[in-house]
Full PDB file with SEQRES, HELIX, SHEET, SSBOND, CRYST1, ORIGX, SCALE, CONECT and MASTER records, all heavy atoms in Angstrom:
SEQRES   1 A   35  PRO PHE ARG GLY SER SER GLY ALA LEU TRP LEU ILE ALA          
SEQRES   2 A   35  PHE ARG ILE VAL GLN ALA LEU GLY GLY ALA MET LEU MET          
SEQRES   3 A   35  ALA ASN SER ALA ALA ILE LEU THR ASP                          
HELIX    1 AA1 GLY A    4  THR A   34  1                                  31    
CRYST1    1.000    1.000    1.000  90.00  90.00  90.00 P 1           1          
ORIGX1      1.000000  0.000000  0.000000        0.00000                         
ORIGX2      0.000000  1.000000  0.000000        0.00000                         
ORIGX3      0.000000  0.000000  1.000000        0.00000                         
SCALE1      1.000000  0.000000  0.000000        0.00000                         
SCALE2      0.000000  1.000000  0.000000        0.00000                         
SCALE3      0.000000  0.000000  1.000000        0.00000                         
ATOM      1  N   PRO A   1     120.116 157.485 151.567  1.00  0.00           N  
ATOM      2  CA  PRO A   1     120.557 156.176 151.064  1.00  0.00           C  
ATOM      3  C   PRO A   1     119.777 155.688 149.843  1.00  0.00           C  
ATOM      4  O   PRO A   1     120.108 154.635 149.292  1.00  0.00           O  
ATOM      5  CB  PRO A   1     120.283 155.258 152.258  1.00  0.00           C  
ATOM      6  CG  PRO A   1     119.071 155.855 152.911  1.00  0.00           C  
ATOM      7  CD  PRO A   1     119.172 157.360 152.696  1.00  0.00           C  
ATOM      8  N   PHE A   2     118.756 156.427 149.415  1.00  0.00           N  
ATOM      9  CA  PHE A   2     117.851 155.942 148.377  1.00  0.00           C  
ATOM     10  C   PHE A   2     118.083 156.653 147.050  1.00  0.00           C  
ATOM     11  O   PHE A   2     118.753 157.677 146.968  1.00  0.00           O  
ATOM     12  CB  PHE A   2     116.396 156.130 148.814  1.00  0.00           C  
ATOM     13  CG  PHE A   2     116.049 155.441 150.101  1.00  0.00           C  
ATOM     14  CD1 PHE A   2     115.783 156.177 151.250  1.00  0.00           C  
ATOM     15  CD2 PHE A   2     116.000 154.054 150.178  1.00  0.00           C  
ATOM     16  CE1 PHE A   2     115.469 155.545 152.436  1.00  0.00           C  
ATOM     17  CE2 PHE A   2     115.683 153.414 151.358  1.00  0.00           C  
ATOM     18  CZ  PHE A   2     115.419 154.156 152.493  1.00  0.00           C  
ATOM     19  N   ARG A   3     117.482 156.078 146.008  1.00  0.00           N  
ATOM     20  CA  ARG A   3     117.489 156.676 144.677  1.00  0.00           C  
ATOM     21  C   ARG A   3     116.056 156.766 144.178  1.00  0.00           C  
ATOM     22  O   ARG A   3     115.154 156.163 144.735  1.00  0.00           O  
ATOM     23  CB  ARG A   3     118.344 155.835 143.715  1.00  0.00           C  
ATOM     24  CG  ARG A   3     119.839 155.908 144.009  1.00  0.00           C  
ATOM     25  CD  ARG A   3     120.635 155.060 143.015  1.00  0.00           C  
ATOM     26  NE  ARG A   3     120.478 155.497 141.636  1.00  0.00           N  
ATOM     27  CZ  ARG A   3     121.106 156.529 141.090  1.00  0.00           C  
ATOM     28  NH1 ARG A   3     121.948 157.247 141.819  1.00  0.00           N  
ATOM     29  NH2 ARG A   3     120.917 156.853 139.817  1.00  0.00           N  
ATOM     30  N   GLY A   4     115.880 157.552 143.114  1.00  0.00           N  
ATOM     31  CA  GLY A   4     114.560 157.683 142.528  1.00  0.00           C  
ATOM     32  C   GLY A   4     113.605 158.425 143.441  1.00  0.00           C  
ATOM     33  O   GLY A   4     113.994 159.304 144.227  1.00  0.00           O  
ATOM     34  N   SER A   5     112.318 158.058 143.374  1.00  0.00           N  
ATOM     35  CA  SER A   5     111.302 158.769 144.152  1.00  0.00           C  
ATOM     36  C   SER A   5     111.515 158.602 145.653  1.00  0.00           C  
ATOM     37  O   SER A   5     111.230 159.520 146.426  1.00  0.00           O  
ATOM     38  CB  SER A   5     109.906 158.277 143.760  1.00  0.00           C  
ATOM     39  OG  SER A   5     109.785 156.882 143.959  1.00  0.00           O  
ATOM     40  N   SER A   6     112.031 157.439 146.083  1.00  0.00           N  
ATOM     41  CA  SER A   6     112.305 157.234 147.517  1.00  0.00           C  
ATOM     42  C   SER A   6     113.378 158.208 148.006  1.00  0.00           C  
ATOM     43  O   SER A   6     113.287 158.757 149.115  1.00  0.00           O  
ATOM     44  CB  SER A   6     112.749 155.796 147.784  1.00  0.00           C  
ATOM     45  OG  SER A   6     111.722 154.887 147.439  1.00  0.00           O  
ATOM     46  N   GLY A   7     114.402 158.421 147.169  1.00  0.00           N  
ATOM     47  CA  GLY A   7     115.433 159.382 147.543  1.00  0.00           C  
ATOM     48  C   GLY A   7     114.883 160.797 147.632  1.00  0.00           C  
ATOM     49  O   GLY A   7     115.260 161.566 148.528  1.00  0.00           O  
ATOM     50  N   ALA A   8     113.971 161.149 146.717  1.00  0.00           N  
ATOM     51  CA  ALA A   8     113.366 162.477 146.752  1.00  0.00           C  
ATOM     52  C   ALA A   8     112.513 162.659 148.004  1.00  0.00           C  
ATOM     53  O   ALA A   8     112.536 163.719 148.643  1.00  0.00           O  
ATOM     54  CB  ALA A   8     112.527 162.707 145.499  1.00  0.00           C  
ATOM     55  N   LEU A   9     111.752 161.621 148.372  1.00  0.00           N  
ATOM     56  CA  LEU A   9     110.912 161.708 149.572  1.00  0.00           C  
ATOM     57  C   LEU A   9     111.758 161.837 150.840  1.00  0.00           C  
ATOM     58  O   LEU A   9     111.382 162.544 151.778  1.00  0.00           O  
ATOM     59  CB  LEU A   9     109.993 160.480 149.652  1.00  0.00           C  
ATOM     60  CG  LEU A   9     108.884 160.424 148.596  1.00  0.00           C  
ATOM     61  CD1 LEU A   9     108.155 159.079 148.661  1.00  0.00           C  
ATOM     62  CD2 LEU A   9     107.894 161.559 148.797  1.00  0.00           C  
ATOM     63  N   TRP A  10     112.909 161.143 150.882  1.00  0.00           N  
ATOM     64  CA  TRP A  10     113.830 161.272 152.020  1.00  0.00           C  
ATOM     65  C   TRP A  10     114.287 162.731 152.139  1.00  0.00           C  
ATOM     66  O   TRP A  10     114.283 163.305 153.238  1.00  0.00           O  
ATOM     67  CB  TRP A  10     115.028 160.347 151.811  1.00  0.00           C  
ATOM     68  CG  TRP A  10     116.131 160.483 152.822  1.00  0.00           C  
ATOM     69  CD1 TRP A  10     117.065 161.480 152.890  1.00  0.00           C  
ATOM     70  CD2 TRP A  10     116.419 159.597 153.927  1.00  0.00           C  
ATOM     71  NE1 TRP A  10     117.921 161.280 153.952  1.00  0.00           N  
ATOM     72  CE2 TRP A  10     117.548 160.129 154.602  1.00  0.00           C  
ATOM     73  CE3 TRP A  10     115.854 158.416 154.390  1.00  0.00           C  
ATOM     74  CZ2 TRP A  10     118.114 159.505 155.710  1.00  0.00           C  
ATOM     75  CZ3 TRP A  10     116.425 157.799 155.501  1.00  0.00           C  
ATOM     76  CH2 TRP A  10     117.530 158.338 156.153  1.00  0.00           C  
ATOM     77  N   LEU A  11     114.681 163.322 151.013  1.00  0.00           N  
ATOM     78  CA  LEU A  11     115.154 164.704 151.029  1.00  0.00           C  
ATOM     79  C   LEU A  11     114.055 165.669 151.456  1.00  0.00           C  
ATOM     80  O   LEU A  11     114.294 166.593 152.243  1.00  0.00           O  
ATOM     81  CB  LEU A  11     115.686 165.089 149.648  1.00  0.00           C  
ATOM     82  CG  LEU A  11     116.959 164.374 149.170  1.00  0.00           C  
ATOM     83  CD1 LEU A  11     117.303 164.786 147.745  1.00  0.00           C  
ATOM     84  CD2 LEU A  11     118.126 164.655 150.097  1.00  0.00           C  
ATOM     85  N   ILE A  12     112.850 165.471 150.946  1.00  0.00           N  
ATOM     86  CA  ILE A  12     111.734 166.354 151.305  1.00  0.00           C  
ATOM     87  C   ILE A  12     111.442 166.255 152.802  1.00  0.00           C  
ATOM     88  O   ILE A  12     111.247 167.273 153.488  1.00  0.00           O  
ATOM     89  CB  ILE A  12     110.484 166.005 150.474  1.00  0.00           C  
ATOM     90  CG1 ILE A  12     110.709 166.386 149.003  1.00  0.00           C  
ATOM     91  CG2 ILE A  12     109.248 166.716 151.021  1.00  0.00           C  
ATOM     92  CD1 ILE A  12     109.655 165.839 148.060  1.00  0.00           C  
ATOM     93  N   ALA A  13     111.427 165.012 153.336  1.00  0.00           N  
ATOM     94  CA  ALA A  13     111.108 164.807 154.757  1.00  0.00           C  
ATOM     95  C   ALA A  13     112.136 165.497 155.654  1.00  0.00           C  
ATOM     96  O   ALA A  13     111.773 166.203 156.613  1.00  0.00           O  
ATOM     97  CB  ALA A  13     111.038 163.319 155.064  1.00  0.00           C  
ATOM     98  N   PHE A  14     113.420 165.319 155.345  1.00  0.00           N  
ATOM     99  CA  PHE A  14     114.435 165.917 156.225  1.00  0.00           C  
ATOM    100  C   PHE A  14     114.645 167.399 155.940  1.00  0.00           C  
ATOM    101  O   PHE A  14     115.161 168.120 156.802  1.00  0.00           O  
ATOM    102  CB  PHE A  14     115.743 165.129 156.141  1.00  0.00           C  
ATOM    103  CG  PHE A  14     115.719 163.883 156.996  1.00  0.00           C  
ATOM    104  CD1 PHE A  14     115.476 162.646 156.433  1.00  0.00           C  
ATOM    105  CD2 PHE A  14     115.886 163.973 158.368  1.00  0.00           C  
ATOM    106  CE1 PHE A  14     115.427 161.501 157.217  1.00  0.00           C  
ATOM    107  CE2 PHE A  14     115.835 162.838 159.171  1.00  0.00           C  
ATOM    108  CZ  PHE A  14     115.595 161.599 158.590  1.00  0.00           C  
ATOM    109  N   ARG A  15     114.234 167.882 154.761  1.00  0.00           N  
ATOM    110  CA  ARG A  15     114.192 169.333 154.559  1.00  0.00           C  
ATOM    111  C   ARG A  15     113.157 169.955 155.488  1.00  0.00           C  
ATOM    112  O   ARG A  15     113.350 171.068 155.998  1.00  0.00           O  
ATOM    113  CB  ARG A  15     113.832 169.653 153.104  1.00  0.00           C  
ATOM    114  CG  ARG A  15     114.979 169.556 152.137  1.00  0.00           C  
ATOM    115  CD  ARG A  15     115.897 170.755 152.183  1.00  0.00           C  
ATOM    116  NE  ARG A  15     115.335 171.920 151.525  1.00  0.00           N  
ATOM    117  CZ  ARG A  15     115.888 173.121 151.553  1.00  0.00           C  
ATOM    118  NH1 ARG A  15     117.005 173.329 152.215  1.00  0.00           N  
ATOM    119  NH2 ARG A  15     115.332 174.148 150.925  1.00  0.00           N  
ATOM    120  N   ILE A  16     112.059 169.253 155.720  1.00  0.00           N  
ATOM    121  CA  ILE A  16     111.035 169.747 156.636  1.00  0.00           C  
ATOM    122  C   ILE A  16     111.568 169.777 158.066  1.00  0.00           C  
ATOM    123  O   ILE A  16     111.348 170.739 158.819  1.00  0.00           O  
ATOM    124  CB  ILE A  16     109.767 168.883 156.516  1.00  0.00           C  
ATOM    125  CG1 ILE A  16     109.090 169.151 155.159  1.00  0.00           C  
ATOM    126  CG2 ILE A  16     108.798 169.157 157.667  1.00  0.00           C  
ATOM    127  CD1 ILE A  16     107.930 168.244 154.851  1.00  0.00           C  
ATOM    128  N   VAL A  17     112.318 168.708 158.462  1.00  0.00           N  
ATOM    129  CA  VAL A  17     112.939 168.702 159.796  1.00  0.00           C  
ATOM    130  C   VAL A  17     113.959 169.838 159.894  1.00  0.00           C  
ATOM    131  O   VAL A  17     114.041 170.534 160.915  1.00  0.00           O  
ATOM    132  CB  VAL A  17     113.603 167.339 160.073  1.00  0.00           C  
ATOM    133  CG1 VAL A  17     114.316 167.358 161.428  1.00  0.00           C  
ATOM    134  CG2 VAL A  17     112.569 166.220 160.041  1.00  0.00           C  
ATOM    135  N   GLN A  18     114.743 169.995 158.845  1.00  0.00           N  
ATOM    136  CA  GLN A  18     115.725 171.086 158.818  1.00  0.00           C  
ATOM    137  C   GLN A  18     115.035 172.440 158.963  1.00  0.00           C  
ATOM    138  O   GLN A  18     115.516 173.327 159.674  1.00  0.00           O  
ATOM    139  CB  GLN A  18     116.500 171.013 157.501  1.00  0.00           C  
ATOM    140  CG  GLN A  18     117.695 171.944 157.423  1.00  0.00           C  
ATOM    141  CD  GLN A  18     118.342 171.903 156.051  1.00  0.00           C  
ATOM    142  OE1 GLN A  18     117.657 172.003 155.036  1.00  0.00           O  
ATOM    143  NE2 GLN A  18     119.661 171.769 156.008  1.00  0.00           N  
ATOM    144  N   ALA A  19     113.890 172.590 158.299  1.00  0.00           N  
ATOM    145  CA  ALA A  19     113.136 173.839 158.395  1.00  0.00           C  
ATOM    146  C   ALA A  19     112.633 174.087 159.813  1.00  0.00           C  
ATOM    147  O   ALA A  19     112.536 175.240 160.244  1.00  0.00           O  
ATOM    148  CB  ALA A  19     111.960 173.809 157.423  1.00  0.00           C  
ATOM    149  N   LEU A  20     112.314 173.005 160.547  1.00  0.00           N  
ATOM    150  CA  LEU A  20     111.913 173.156 161.944  1.00  0.00           C  
ATOM    151  C   LEU A  20     113.037 173.803 162.750  1.00  0.00           C  
ATOM    152  O   LEU A  20     112.808 174.740 163.525  1.00  0.00           O  
ATOM    153  CB  LEU A  20     111.543 171.792 162.529  1.00  0.00           C  
ATOM    154  CG  LEU A  20     111.262 171.740 164.037  1.00  0.00           C  
ATOM    155  CD1 LEU A  20     110.066 172.610 164.393  1.00  0.00           C  
ATOM    156  CD2 LEU A  20     111.027 170.296 164.490  1.00  0.00           C  
ATOM    157  N   GLY A  21     114.269 173.312 162.554  1.00  0.00           N  
ATOM    158  CA  GLY A  21     115.412 173.928 163.225  1.00  0.00           C  
ATOM    159  C   GLY A  21     115.625 175.355 162.780  1.00  0.00           C  
ATOM    160  O   GLY A  21     115.888 176.246 163.602  1.00  0.00           O  
ATOM    161  N   GLY A  22     115.503 175.596 161.466  1.00  0.00           N  
ATOM    162  CA  GLY A  22     115.658 176.959 160.965  1.00  0.00           C  
ATOM    163  C   GLY A  22     114.611 177.903 161.534  1.00  0.00           C  
ATOM    164  O   GLY A  22     114.909 179.064 161.844  1.00  0.00           O  
ATOM    165  N   ALA A  23     113.374 177.416 161.685  1.00  0.00           N  
ATOM    166  CA  ALA A  23     112.303 178.250 162.244  1.00  0.00           C  
ATOM    167  C   ALA A  23     112.591 178.600 163.704  1.00  0.00           C  
ATOM    168  O   ALA A  23     112.269 179.705 164.164  1.00  0.00           O  
ATOM    169  CB  ALA A  23     110.962 177.522 162.124  1.00  0.00           C  
ATOM    170  N   MET A  24     113.189 177.664 164.462  1.00  0.00           N  
ATOM    171  CA  MET A  24     113.563 177.959 165.854  1.00  0.00           C  
ATOM    172  C   MET A  24     114.583 179.093 165.911  1.00  0.00           C  
ATOM    173  O   MET A  24     114.521 179.964 166.789  1.00  0.00           O  
ATOM    174  CB  MET A  24     114.147 176.718 166.519  1.00  0.00           C  
ATOM    175  CG  MET A  24     113.151 175.595 166.749  1.00  0.00           C  
ATOM    176  SD  MET A  24     113.963 174.147 167.484  1.00  0.00           S  
ATOM    177  CE  MET A  24     112.558 173.049 167.699  1.00  0.00           C  
ATOM    178  N   LEU A  25     115.529 179.097 164.960  1.00  0.00           N  
ATOM    179  CA  LEU A  25     116.523 180.164 164.912  1.00  0.00           C  
ATOM    180  C   LEU A  25     115.887 181.488 164.506  1.00  0.00           C  
ATOM    181  O   LEU A  25     116.095 182.518 165.146  1.00  0.00           O  
ATOM    182  CB  LEU A  25     117.630 179.792 163.920  1.00  0.00           C  
ATOM    183  CG  LEU A  25     118.462 178.544 164.228  1.00  0.00           C  
ATOM    184  CD1 LEU A  25     119.347 178.191 163.036  1.00  0.00           C  
ATOM    185  CD2 LEU A  25     119.309 178.758 165.464  1.00  0.00           C  
ATOM    186  N   MET A  26     115.104 181.456 163.414  1.00  0.00           N  
ATOM    187  CA  MET A  26     114.503 182.683 162.889  1.00  0.00           C  
ATOM    188  C   MET A  26     113.535 183.317 163.891  1.00  0.00           C  
ATOM    189  O   MET A  26     113.459 184.540 164.008  1.00  0.00           O  
ATOM    190  CB  MET A  26     113.746 182.387 161.599  1.00  0.00           C  
ATOM    191  CG  MET A  26     114.614 181.958 160.432  1.00  0.00           C  
ATOM    192  SD  MET A  26     113.559 181.600 159.002  1.00  0.00           S  
ATOM    193  CE  MET A  26     114.739 180.778 157.907  1.00  0.00           C  
ATOM    194  N   ALA A  27     112.781 182.475 164.600  1.00  0.00           N  
ATOM    195  CA  ALA A  27     111.726 182.993 165.478  1.00  0.00           C  
ATOM    196  C   ALA A  27     112.285 183.737 166.683  1.00  0.00           C  
ATOM    197  O   ALA A  27     111.628 184.626 167.226  1.00  0.00           O  
ATOM    198  CB  ALA A  27     110.827 181.848 165.944  1.00  0.00           C  
ATOM    199  N   ASN A  28     113.491 183.377 167.125  1.00  0.00           N  
ATOM    200  CA  ASN A  28     113.983 183.908 168.398  1.00  0.00           C  
ATOM    201  C   ASN A  28     115.211 184.802 168.286  1.00  0.00           C  
ATOM    202  O   ASN A  28     115.567 185.465 169.261  1.00  0.00           O  
ATOM    203  CB  ASN A  28     114.282 182.743 169.355  1.00  0.00           C  
ATOM    204  CG  ASN A  28     113.011 182.036 169.800  1.00  0.00           C  
ATOM    205  OD1 ASN A  28     112.298 182.517 170.667  1.00  0.00           O  
ATOM    206  ND2 ASN A  28     112.720 180.897 169.190  1.00  0.00           N  
ATOM    207  N   SER A  29     115.874 184.826 167.134  1.00  0.00           N  
ATOM    208  CA  SER A  29     117.119 185.597 167.047  1.00  0.00           C  
ATOM    209  C   SER A  29     116.874 187.094 167.257  1.00  0.00           C  
ATOM    210  O   SER A  29     117.604 187.744 168.020  1.00  0.00           O  
ATOM    211  CB  SER A  29     117.797 185.344 165.703  1.00  0.00           C  
ATOM    212  OG  SER A  29     116.962 185.742 164.634  1.00  0.00           O  
ATOM    213  N   ALA A  30     115.855 187.650 166.591  1.00  0.00           N  
ATOM    214  CA  ALA A  30     115.592 189.081 166.735  1.00  0.00           C  
ATOM    215  C   ALA A  30     115.171 189.430 168.161  1.00  0.00           C  
ATOM    216  O   ALA A  30     115.534 190.489 168.693  1.00  0.00           O  
ATOM    217  CB  ALA A  30     114.516 189.524 165.744  1.00  0.00           C  
ATOM    218  N   ALA A  31     114.424 188.526 168.806  1.00  0.00           N  
ATOM    219  CA  ALA A  31     113.994 188.779 170.190  1.00  0.00           C  
ATOM    220  C   ALA A  31     115.187 188.763 171.140  1.00  0.00           C  
ATOM    221  O   ALA A  31     115.268 189.577 172.069  1.00  0.00           O  
ATOM    222  CB  ALA A  31     112.966 187.729 170.609  1.00  0.00           C  
ATOM    223  N   ILE A  32     116.136 187.839 170.924  1.00  0.00           N  
ATOM    224  CA  ILE A  32     117.332 187.775 171.776  1.00  0.00           C  
ATOM    225  C   ILE A  32     118.143 189.062 171.640  1.00  0.00           C  
ATOM    226  O   ILE A  32     118.619 189.629 172.635  1.00  0.00           O  
ATOM    227  CB  ILE A  32     118.179 186.545 171.402  1.00  0.00           C  
ATOM    228  CG1 ILE A  32     117.447 185.263 171.805  1.00  0.00           C  
ATOM    229  CG2 ILE A  32     119.560 186.599 172.067  1.00  0.00           C  
ATOM    230  CD1 ILE A  32     118.102 183.982 171.290  1.00  0.00           C  
ATOM    231  N   LEU A  33     118.305 189.551 170.416  1.00  0.00           N  
ATOM    232  CA  LEU A  33     119.058 190.788 170.204  1.00  0.00           C  
ATOM    233  C   LEU A  33     118.333 191.994 170.792  1.00  0.00           C  
ATOM    234  O   LEU A  33     118.963 192.895 171.351  1.00  0.00           O  
ATOM    235  CB  LEU A  33     119.287 191.007 168.706  1.00  0.00           C  
ATOM    236  CG  LEU A  33     120.286 190.059 168.038  1.00  0.00           C  
ATOM    237  CD1 LEU A  33     120.280 190.257 166.539  1.00  0.00           C  
ATOM    238  CD2 LEU A  33     121.682 190.272 168.585  1.00  0.00           C  
ATOM    239  N   THR A  34     117.020 192.008 170.668  1.00  0.00           N  
ATOM    240  CA  THR A  34     116.242 193.112 171.246  1.00  0.00           C  
ATOM    241  C   THR A  34     116.392 193.127 172.763  1.00  0.00           C  
ATOM    242  O   THR A  34     116.483 194.200 173.383  1.00  0.00           O  
ATOM    243  CB  THR A  34     114.761 192.981 170.850  1.00  0.00           C  
ATOM    244  OG1 THR A  34     114.654 192.909 169.421  1.00  0.00           O  
ATOM    245  CG2 THR A  34     113.965 194.186 171.340  1.00  0.00           C  
ATOM    246  N   ASP A  35     116.417 191.943 173.393  1.00  0.00           N  
ATOM    247  CA  ASP A  35     116.653 191.861 174.832  1.00  0.00           C  
ATOM    248  C   ASP A  35     118.042 192.375 175.200  1.00  0.00           C  
ATOM    249  O   ASP A  35     118.233 193.026 176.233  1.00  0.00           O  
ATOM    250  CB  ASP A  35     116.532 190.405 175.311  1.00  0.00           C  
ATOM    251  CG  ASP A  35     115.107 189.892 175.270  1.00  0.00           C  
ATOM    252  OD1 ASP A  35     114.173 190.714 175.316  1.00  0.00           O  
ATOM    253  OD2 ASP A  35     114.923 188.661 175.191  1.00  0.00           O  
TER     254      ASP A  35                                                      
MASTER        0    0    0    1    0    0    0    6  253    1    0    3          
END                                                                             
């Protein structure tokens, strides 16, 4: 909802949250297939 530096900080913060979800996928996908 923001513009300028506030908008950039919003994007950076939720990119980090998004990366948390991505890390959950990356960390376990190969192990699930190996099982």
